[in-house]
Protein backbone atom coordinates (compact mmCIF):
# COMPACT_ATOMS: atom_id res chain seq x y z
CA MET A 1 0.00 0.00 0.00
CA ASP A 2 1.22 3.47 -0.79
CA LEU A 3 0.11 7.11 -0.77
CA PRO A 4 -1.35 8.64 -3.93
CA GLU A 5 1.31 10.07 -6.23
CA GLU A 6 0.32 13.71 -5.56
CA GLN A 7 0.82 13.21 -1.84
CA ARG A 8 4.30 11.68 -2.26
CA GLU A 9 5.85 14.85 -3.76
CA GLY A 10 8.72 16.08 -1.61
CA LEU A 11 8.66 12.96 0.60
CA THR A 12 11.42 10.38 1.03
CA LEU A 13 10.53 6.70 1.41
CA ILE A 14 12.17 5.32 4.55
CA GLY A 15 10.64 1.84 4.63
CA PHE A 16 7.43 -0.14 5.04
CA ASP A 17 5.30 -1.34 7.92
CA GLU A 18 4.33 -4.97 7.53
CA SER A 19 1.23 -6.80 8.76
CA GLU A 20 0.25 -10.43 8.34
CA SER A 21 -3.27 -11.76 7.74
CA LEU A 22 -4.20 -15.42 7.70
CA GLU A 23 -6.02 -16.55 4.57
CA LEU A 24 -7.52 -19.89 3.63
CA LYS A 25 -7.06 -21.55 0.27
CA ARG A 26 -9.63 -24.28 -0.23
CA MET A 27 -8.64 -27.74 -1.36
CA GLU A 28 -7.83 -27.76 -5.06
CA LEU A 29 -8.16 -30.64 -7.50
CA ARG A 30 -6.19 -30.78 -10.70
CA VAL A 31 -5.75 -33.25 -13.52
CA ARG A 32 -2.21 -34.29 -14.31
CA VAL A 33 -1.74 -35.39 -17.92
CA THR A 34 0.99 -37.96 -18.45
CA LYS A 35 2.05 -38.50 -22.04
CA VAL A 36 3.47 -41.93 -22.88
CA ALA A 37 5.53 -42.11 -26.07
CA LYS A 38 4.41 -44.59 -28.75
CA TYR A 39 6.64 -45.92 -31.51
CA VAL A 40 6.25 -48.10 -34.57
CA GLU A 41 8.75 -49.60 -36.98
CA GLU A 42 7.96 -48.16 -40.41
CA ASN A 43 9.38 -51.16 -42.21
CA ASN A 44 7.85 -53.72 -39.85
CA PRO A 45 4.17 -52.94 -39.17
CA GLN A 46 3.66 -56.42 -37.67
CA ALA A 47 5.81 -55.39 -34.69
CA GLY A 48 2.97 -53.26 -33.38
CA VAL A 49 3.22 -50.21 -31.14
CA LEU A 50 6.13 -49.97 -28.69
CA SER A 51 5.79 -47.95 -25.44
CA PRO A 52 7.69 -47.79 -22.16
CA GLU A 53 6.26 -49.75 -19.24
CA ARG A 54 3.67 -47.68 -17.44
CA PRO A 55 3.80 -47.27 -13.64
CA THR A 56 1.33 -49.23 -11.55
CA GLY A 57 -1.62 -47.11 -10.44
CA LEU A 58 -3.97 -47.44 -7.53
CA VAL A 59 -6.90 -48.30 -9.77
CA GLU A 60 -7.17 -49.43 -13.34
CA GLY A 61 -6.07 -46.71 -15.75
CA ASN A 62 -4.21 -44.80 -13.03
CA ARG A 63 -7.07 -42.29 -12.90
CA TYR A 64 -6.49 -41.20 -9.28
CA GLY A 65 -3.20 -40.17 -7.76
CA PRO A 66 -2.00 -41.34 -4.34
CA CYS A 67 -2.63 -37.87 -2.91
CA VAL A 68 -6.37 -38.38 -3.56
CA ALA A 69 -6.24 -41.69 -1.71
CA ALA A 70 -4.32 -40.09 1.17
CA GLU A 71 -7.01 -37.40 1.47
CA ILE A 72 -9.82 -39.99 1.54
CA ILE A 73 -8.02 -42.08 4.18
CA ALA A 74 -7.16 -39.09 6.37
CA ALA A 75 -10.71 -37.75 6.10
CA LYS A 76 -12.21 -41.03 7.29
CA TYR A 77 -9.72 -42.18 9.90
CA PHE A 78 -8.33 -38.91 11.24
CA TYR A 79 -11.21 -36.46 10.75
CA HIS A 80 -13.79 -39.28 11.05
CA LEU A 81 -15.82 -38.34 7.97
CA PRO A 82 -17.76 -41.24 6.44
CA LEU A 83 -17.63 -41.57 2.67
CA TYR A 84 -21.03 -39.99 2.04
CA ARG A 85 -19.87 -36.79 3.77
CA GLN A 86 -16.66 -36.85 1.77
CA GLN A 87 -18.82 -36.78 -1.37
CA ASP A 88 -19.98 -33.29 -0.35
CA LEU A 89 -16.42 -32.25 0.47
CA PHE A 90 -15.11 -33.21 -2.96
CA ALA A 91 -18.21 -31.86 -4.70
CA SER A 92 -17.40 -28.40 -3.32
CA CYS A 93 -14.14 -28.63 -5.27
CA GLY A 94 -15.78 -29.66 -8.54
CA TRP A 95 -15.51 -33.46 -8.37
CA THR A 96 -18.62 -35.58 -7.66
CA PRO A 97 -17.44 -39.14 -7.00
CA SER A 98 -19.81 -41.93 -6.07
CA ARG A 99 -19.43 -43.69 -2.74
CA SER A 100 -18.29 -46.83 -4.53
CA THR A 101 -15.53 -44.85 -6.27
CA LEU A 102 -14.23 -43.52 -2.97
CA LEU A 103 -14.41 -46.99 -1.45
CA ASN A 104 -12.54 -48.54 -4.40
CA ILE A 105 -9.76 -45.95 -4.10
CA MET A 106 -9.46 -46.51 -0.35
CA THR A 107 -9.49 -50.31 -0.76
CA ALA A 108 -6.79 -50.20 -3.41
CA ALA A 109 -4.66 -47.87 -1.27
CA GLU A 110 -4.97 -50.19 1.73
CA PHE A 111 -3.88 -53.10 -0.46
CA ALA A 112 -0.76 -51.17 -1.44
CA LEU A 113 -0.15 -50.11 2.18
CA GLN A 114 -0.45 -53.57 3.69
CA PRO A 115 3.35 -54.12 3.68
CA LEU A 116 3.80 -50.88 5.64
CA ALA A 117 1.14 -51.89 8.18
CA LEU A 118 2.74 -55.33 8.48
CA TYR A 119 6.11 -53.65 9.03
CA TYR A 120 4.62 -51.64 11.90
CA HIS A 121 3.21 -54.86 13.36
CA ASN A 122 6.65 -56.46 13.30
CA LEU A 123 8.25 -53.38 14.82
CA ILE A 124 5.77 -53.19 17.68
CA ARG A 125 6.48 -56.81 18.59
CA GLY A 126 10.14 -55.93 19.02
CA VAL A 127 9.69 -53.21 21.65
CA SER A 128 10.13 -53.88 25.36
CA LEU A 129 7.30 -51.64 26.64
CA LEU A 130 3.83 -51.86 25.16
CA GLY A 131 0.45 -50.40 26.10
CA CYS A 132 -2.77 -52.13 25.06
CA ASP A 133 -6.51 -51.45 25.23
CA ASP A 134 -9.64 -52.31 23.26
CA THR A 135 -13.12 -50.99 22.51
CA THR A 136 -16.26 -52.26 20.84
CA VAL A 137 -17.35 -51.79 17.23
CA ASN A 138 -20.56 -52.95 15.60
CA LEU A 139 -20.01 -55.64 12.93
CA ILE A 140 -22.76 -56.37 10.39
CA VAL A 141 -23.48 -60.10 10.05
CA PRO A 142 -23.67 -61.17 6.38
CA ARG A 143 -26.50 -63.31 5.04
CA GLN A 144 -24.06 -65.92 3.78
CA LEU A 145 -20.76 -67.03 5.24
CA PRO A 146 -18.02 -65.09 3.39
CA GLU A 147 -14.77 -66.42 1.99
CA LEU A 148 -11.93 -64.98 4.07
CA ASP A 149 -8.22 -64.83 3.41
CA PRO A 150 -6.89 -68.36 4.12
CA MET A 151 -3.47 -66.89 4.93
CA ASN A 152 -4.88 -64.84 7.80
CA PRO A 153 -4.63 -66.85 11.06
CA ARG A 154 -7.81 -65.17 12.34
CA SER A 155 -9.97 -66.35 9.44
CA ASP A 156 -11.05 -69.68 10.97
CA SER A 157 -12.13 -68.07 14.23
CA ALA A 158 -13.94 -65.25 12.40
CA ARG A 159 -15.82 -67.73 10.18
CA ALA A 160 -16.86 -69.73 13.24
CA GLN A 161 -18.19 -66.63 14.99
CA LEU A 162 -20.06 -65.49 11.88
CA ALA A 163 -21.51 -68.96 11.32
CA ALA A 164 -22.87 -68.97 14.87
CA ALA A 165 -24.32 -65.48 14.42
CA ILE A 166 -25.96 -66.40 11.10
CA GLU A 167 -27.47 -69.54 12.64
CA ALA A 168 -28.82 -67.47 15.54
CA GLY A 169 -30.37 -64.99 13.11
CA LYS A 170 -28.37 -62.02 14.39
CA LYS A 171 -28.06 -58.94 12.23
CA ASN A 172 -24.96 -57.62 13.98
CA ILE A 173 -22.47 -58.64 16.64
CA THR A 174 -20.11 -56.78 18.92
CA ALA A 175 -16.56 -56.96 17.54
CA ARG A 176 -13.39 -55.41 18.97
CA MET A 177 -10.79 -52.91 17.84
CA TRP A 178 -7.50 -53.22 19.73
CA ALA A 179 -4.75 -50.61 20.02
CA TYR A 180 -1.11 -51.36 20.81
CA ARG A 181 1.06 -48.34 21.60
CA GLY A 182 4.84 -48.55 21.61
CA ILE A 183 6.14 -46.58 24.60
CA GLU A 184 9.79 -46.24 23.63
CA LEU A 185 9.06 -46.41 19.87
CA PRO A 186 6.49 -43.95 18.40
CA ILE A 187 4.26 -46.47 16.63
CA ASN A 188 0.56 -47.19 17.16
CA VAL A 189 -0.89 -50.44 15.83
CA TYR A 190 -4.59 -51.29 15.57
CA ASP A 191 -6.00 -54.79 15.27
CA PHE A 192 -9.54 -55.97 14.54
CA THR A 193 -11.09 -59.14 15.98
CA VAL A 194 -14.62 -60.51 15.77
CA ASN A 195 -14.87 -60.90 19.56
CA ARG A 196 -12.91 -60.25 22.76
CA SER A 197 -11.38 -63.68 23.03
CA ARG A 198 -7.76 -64.04 24.03
CA GLU A 199 -6.86 -65.22 20.52
CA GLY A 200 -6.40 -61.69 19.16
CA PRO A 201 -3.82 -60.48 21.72
CA ASP A 202 -2.27 -63.96 21.76
CA LEU A 203 -1.44 -63.71 18.06
CA MET A 204 -0.35 -60.10 18.30
CA LEU A 205 1.94 -60.76 21.27
CA SER A 206 3.21 -64.14 20.12
CA ASN A 207 6.82 -62.91 19.82
CA PHE A 208 6.61 -60.01 22.26
CA GLN A 209 9.03 -60.02 25.18
CA GLY A 210 8.75 -57.19 27.68
CA THR A 211 6.23 -55.30 29.80
CA LEU A 212 2.57 -55.10 28.77
CA LEU A 213 0.66 -52.17 30.28
CA GLY A 214 -3.12 -52.44 30.31
CA ASP A 215 -6.22 -52.86 32.40
CA CYS A 216 -6.76 -55.94 34.55
CA TRP A 217 -8.83 -57.89 32.04
CA SER A 218 -8.57 -61.60 32.79
CA GLY A 219 -7.30 -62.27 29.26
CA PHE A 220 -4.16 -60.22 29.89
CA GLN A 221 -3.58 -62.15 33.11
CA LYS A 222 -3.84 -65.47 31.26
CA ILE A 223 -1.49 -64.24 28.53
CA HIS A 224 0.99 -63.29 31.25
CA LEU A 225 0.74 -66.70 32.90
CA ARG A 226 1.08 -68.60 29.61
CA SER A 227 4.11 -66.61 28.44
CA ASP A 228 6.52 -68.33 30.88
CA ALA A 229 7.71 -64.96 32.24
CA ARG A 230 8.30 -63.69 28.70
CA ILE A 231 5.64 -61.00 29.30
CA GLU A 232 5.50 -58.93 32.46
CA ARG A 233 2.08 -57.46 33.21
CA ALA A 234 1.82 -53.86 34.43
CA ALA A 235 -1.48 -52.41 35.62
CA CYS A 236 -2.90 -48.91 35.23
CA TRP A 237 -3.28 -46.64 38.26
CA ALA A 238 -5.95 -44.60 36.49
CA HIS A 239 -8.17 -47.69 36.42
CA ALA A 240 -7.46 -48.34 40.10
CA ARG A 241 -8.27 -44.73 41.00
CA ARG A 242 -11.53 -44.91 39.04
CA LYS A 243 -12.78 -47.74 41.28
CA PHE A 244 -12.63 -45.42 44.31
CA TRP A 245 -13.78 -42.28 42.48
CA GLU A 246 -17.04 -43.96 41.44
CA ILE A 247 -17.97 -44.80 45.08
CA ARG A 248 -16.70 -41.60 46.73
CA HIS A 249 -20.23 -40.42 47.62
CA ASN A 250 -21.10 -43.68 49.40
CA PHE A 251 -17.79 -43.99 51.29
CA PRO A 252 -16.48 -40.40 51.57
CA LEU A 253 -14.03 -40.91 54.45
CA GLU A 254 -12.43 -44.14 53.23
CA THR A 255 -12.17 -43.13 49.58
CA SER A 256 -10.76 -39.69 50.37
CA ARG A 257 -7.77 -41.32 52.04
CA VAL A 258 -7.08 -43.69 49.16
CA LEU A 259 -7.68 -41.02 46.50
CA GLY A 260 -5.32 -38.70 48.37
CA LEU A 261 -2.52 -41.29 48.32
CA ILE A 262 -3.09 -42.11 44.64
CA GLY A 263 -3.10 -38.37 43.94
CA GLN A 264 0.35 -38.17 45.53
CA LEU A 265 1.59 -40.79 43.05
CA PHE A 266 0.37 -38.71 40.11
CA GLU A 267 1.80 -35.52 41.64
CA ILE A 268 5.22 -37.19 41.85
CA GLU A 269 4.86 -38.24 38.19
CA SER A 270 4.05 -34.66 37.23
CA ARG A 271 7.21 -33.37 38.91
CA CYS A 272 9.34 -36.08 37.30
CA GLN A 273 7.98 -35.60 33.79
CA SER A 274 10.96 -33.67 32.43
CA LEU A 275 13.57 -35.96 33.98
CA GLU A 276 15.60 -38.63 32.23
CA PRO A 277 14.24 -42.19 32.68
CA ALA A 278 17.02 -43.20 35.08
CA GLU A 279 16.43 -40.18 37.32
CA ARG A 280 12.67 -40.65 37.12
CA CYS A 281 13.09 -44.26 38.22
CA ARG A 282 15.26 -43.16 41.16
CA ARG A 283 12.65 -40.61 42.25
CA ARG A 284 9.92 -43.22 42.03
CA GLN A 285 11.86 -45.60 44.23
CA GLN A 286 12.56 -42.85 46.73
CA GLU A 287 9.16 -41.12 46.83
CA SER A 288 6.49 -43.26 45.15
CA SER A 289 7.54 -46.39 47.01
CA ARG A 290 6.84 -44.68 50.35
CA VAL A 291 3.36 -43.70 49.15
CA LEU A 292 2.72 -47.30 48.11
CA GLU A 293 3.84 -48.51 51.52
CA SER A 294 1.30 -46.21 53.18
CA LEU A 295 -1.42 -47.35 50.79
CA ARG A 296 -0.59 -51.01 51.35
CA SER A 297 -0.67 -50.53 55.11
CA TYR A 298 -4.13 -49.04 54.86
CA ILE A 299 -5.67 -51.74 52.64
CA ASP A 300 -4.19 -54.43 54.94
CA SER A 301 -5.50 -52.75 58.08
CA ASP A 302 -8.23 -54.24 60.28
CA ALA A 303 -10.67 -51.56 59.09
CA CYS A 304 -10.38 -52.76 55.49
CA ALA A 305 -10.26 -56.43 56.47
CA SER A 306 -13.74 -56.17 58.01
CA LEU A 307 -15.33 -54.84 54.82
CA LEU A 308 -17.92 -56.92 53.02
CA PRO A 309 -16.22 -58.31 49.88
CA LYS A 310 -19.26 -57.54 47.70
CA SER A 311 -19.61 -53.93 48.85
CA GLY A 312 -18.39 -51.16 46.58
CA LEU A 313 -15.47 -50.32 48.85
CA GLY A 314 -14.67 -53.98 49.40
CA GLN A 315 -14.45 -54.57 45.65
CA ALA A 316 -12.25 -51.49 45.16
CA ILE A 317 -9.91 -52.59 47.96
CA GLY A 318 -9.90 -56.12 46.54
CA TYR A 319 -8.92 -54.74 43.14
CA LEU A 320 -5.81 -53.16 44.69
CA ARG A 321 -4.91 -56.30 46.61
CA ASN A 322 -5.39 -58.65 43.66
CA HIS A 323 -3.31 -56.55 41.25
CA TRP A 324 -0.79 -55.01 43.64
CA GLU A 325 2.22 -56.64 41.98
CA ALA A 326 1.20 -55.38 38.53
CA LEU A 327 0.43 -51.92 39.93
CA SER A 328 3.94 -51.74 41.41
CA VAL A 329 5.84 -52.58 38.21
CA PHE A 330 6.25 -48.90 37.25
CA LEU A 331 8.65 -48.40 40.18
CA GLY A 332 11.41 -50.30 38.42
CA ASN A 333 11.27 -48.67 34.97
CA GLY A 334 11.49 -44.93 34.36
CA LEU A 335 10.07 -45.26 30.83
CA LEU A 336 6.91 -47.07 31.91
CA PRO A 337 3.94 -44.70 32.46
CA ILE A 338 1.98 -44.92 35.68
CA ASP A 339 -1.27 -45.24 33.73
CA ASN A 340 -2.57 -46.36 30.36
CA ASN A 341 -4.26 -43.08 29.48
CA GLU A 342 -2.28 -42.57 26.25
CA VAL A 343 -3.68 -45.84 24.87
CA GLU A 344 -7.17 -44.90 26.01
CA GLN A 345 -6.78 -41.76 23.90
CA LEU A 346 -6.31 -44.06 20.90
CA MET A 347 -9.57 -45.76 21.83
CA ARG A 348 -11.30 -42.38 21.78
CA GLN A 349 -10.28 -42.05 18.13
CA VAL A 350 -12.17 -45.27 17.44
CA ALA A 351 -15.15 -44.12 19.51
CA LEU A 352 -15.34 -40.79 17.71
CA GLY A 353 -15.16 -42.49 14.33
CA ARG A 354 -17.76 -45.04 15.45
CA LYS A 355 -20.27 -42.25 16.06
CA ASN A 356 -19.88 -41.17 12.44
CA TRP A 357 -19.44 -44.31 10.37
CA LEU A 358 -21.62 -46.34 12.83
CA PHE A 359 -20.54 -49.89 11.92
CA ILE A 360 -18.03 -52.20 10.23
CA GLY A 361 -19.58 -53.74 7.14
CA SER A 362 -17.56 -56.97 7.00
CA VAL A 363 -14.65 -58.78 8.64
CA GLU A 364 -12.32 -57.82 5.81
CA ALA A 365 -13.47 -54.19 6.14
CA GLY A 366 -12.49 -54.41 9.82
CA TRP A 367 -9.01 -55.67 8.95
CA ARG A 368 -8.71 -52.94 6.34
CA ALA A 369 -9.80 -50.27 8.81
CA ALA A 370 -7.26 -51.50 11.37
CA ASN A 371 -4.42 -51.26 8.84
CA LEU A 372 -5.37 -47.75 7.75
CA MET A 373 -5.87 -46.55 11.33
CA THR A 374 -2.42 -47.95 12.15
CA ILE A 375 -0.80 -45.83 9.45
CA VAL A 376 -2.84 -42.67 10.10
CA SER A 377 -2.40 -42.82 13.88
CA THR A 378 1.35 -43.41 13.60
CA ALA A 379 1.63 -40.50 11.17
CA ALA A 380 -0.29 -38.27 13.59
CA ARG A 381 1.95 -39.34 16.45
CA LYS A 382 4.98 -38.29 14.42
CA ARG A 383 3.85 -34.65 14.73
CA PRO A 384 1.57 -34.58 17.82
CA GLY A 385 1.88 -30.82 18.43
CA ARG A 386 0.95 -29.85 14.88
CA LEU A 387 -2.16 -32.02 14.74
CA GLY A 388 -3.52 -31.01 18.12
CA LEU A 389 -2.87 -34.34 19.83
CA PRO A 390 -1.47 -34.51 23.36
CA GLU A 391 2.28 -34.71 23.69
CA GLY A 392 3.48 -38.07 25.00
CA ARG A 393 4.31 -37.83 28.68
CA VAL A 394 6.72 -40.74 28.92
CA GLY A 395 8.20 -42.28 25.80
CA ALA A 396 9.96 -41.42 22.59
CA ASP A 397 7.43 -39.60 20.41
CA SER A 398 10.24 -37.40 19.14
CA VAL A 399 12.13 -40.34 17.65
CA GLY A 400 12.25 -40.16 13.86
CA ILE A 401 10.57 -42.80 11.72
CA ASP A 402 12.13 -41.90 8.40
CA GLY A 403 11.59 -44.34 5.62
CA LEU A 404 8.28 -45.62 6.98
CA GLY A 405 6.08 -43.81 4.47
CA ILE A 406 5.68 -40.58 6.44
CA ASP A 407 7.10 -37.26 5.30
CA ALA A 408 8.54 -34.38 7.35
CA SER A 409 5.10 -32.87 7.96
CA GLY A 410 3.67 -36.08 9.40
CA ARG A 411 1.57 -36.84 6.30
CA LEU A 412 1.56 -39.97 4.22
CA GLU A 413 4.11 -39.80 1.44
CA ALA A 414 2.91 -40.48 -2.07
CA GLY A 415 5.65 -43.11 -2.34
CA ALA A 416 4.15 -44.95 0.61
CA PHE A 417 1.59 -46.39 -1.78
CA GLY A 418 4.57 -47.88 -3.63
CA GLY A 419 4.53 -49.80 -6.88
CA GLY A 420 5.48 -53.28 -7.78
CA ALA A 421 2.44 -55.13 -6.41
CA GLU A 422 -0.54 -56.05 -8.52
CA LEU A 423 -3.38 -53.88 -7.34
CA PRO A 424 -7.11 -54.56 -7.50
CA SER A 425 -9.05 -52.60 -10.09
CA GLY A 426 -11.63 -50.09 -8.95
């Protein structure tokens, strides 16, 4: 901006004042034209037309670039927009795809990304500290028993569950989405199972050796016992605290004492957050251990021993007694969080998506969703501050994961959809 010319006479320009205004540029779609050279031999027409080998595309004819697929995947599994809402989003930019087109693109992209998801699965099995949790999803029961991938070890169990549901005339069943969060390695892995049987975590943790942090579900306890000390079970203090918080109005005096001691544990964790793992472990053994001694003395006192086992307070006290060893594991490892809240945040991503897309249409759609959520969630964890997610409190979220299909901004790289594999047509 400048003064009119008649006002600038006799004045000397000494500089400019600058101001910045944020502007929004809506999503743009463009068509990239790729010309492929064609040659013929003039003296040999029987040789036909010669062209260089064309790159493999996501769908037949290479009509949609990987950036379109990345936008569809991110919209569904990060922003939780079902495909019919994405139709409106793309229509505002001049493209009106059908739902089946969007689904075909997403299915083809997941097929190309399966090696990356499998790589994450293998990496997560190699860590020494792992958080786990699960939540429900609604699975539609098909009219006829589907053919599932014979190479997938979960296929037989899934077919058996579906066969039982079809015979019972059920229209839907409650399936499970599991999340596994690497604590020292910034990778999140999702897994889909038809029910909450131990088979899902058993397969996922078949080669895992280390500490498993989770709630006190009986399945985790059985996995721990069957692992021959290969897996150490750590329990979550947030779950333990919740038992007393829910009954605080019925037992105000007793619960206030326990909640106060548990609050001291979390206050110590807050003060130790910025410390190195070794120093954090030392502080825990110096300070947290004394709090645990006081808490243990209270739950072993005569006052607690006289409680009715079936009362609310008796059950909460029993929870602490039964899982005391697992609740004390965090004392010996400065990298291990005191609670499993970070993994529960991953479950909230599933819950938020579930409110929008409502159900899983088939078992294979569940496996596909788990693979795509694995990649999207890991990409988001790469740049937690930029995407509005909470910073990891204890772990290594700042560790780079170069070469895993994620660029410097935390988005999926176009190359992550890689070539070389035969892709399904859309």
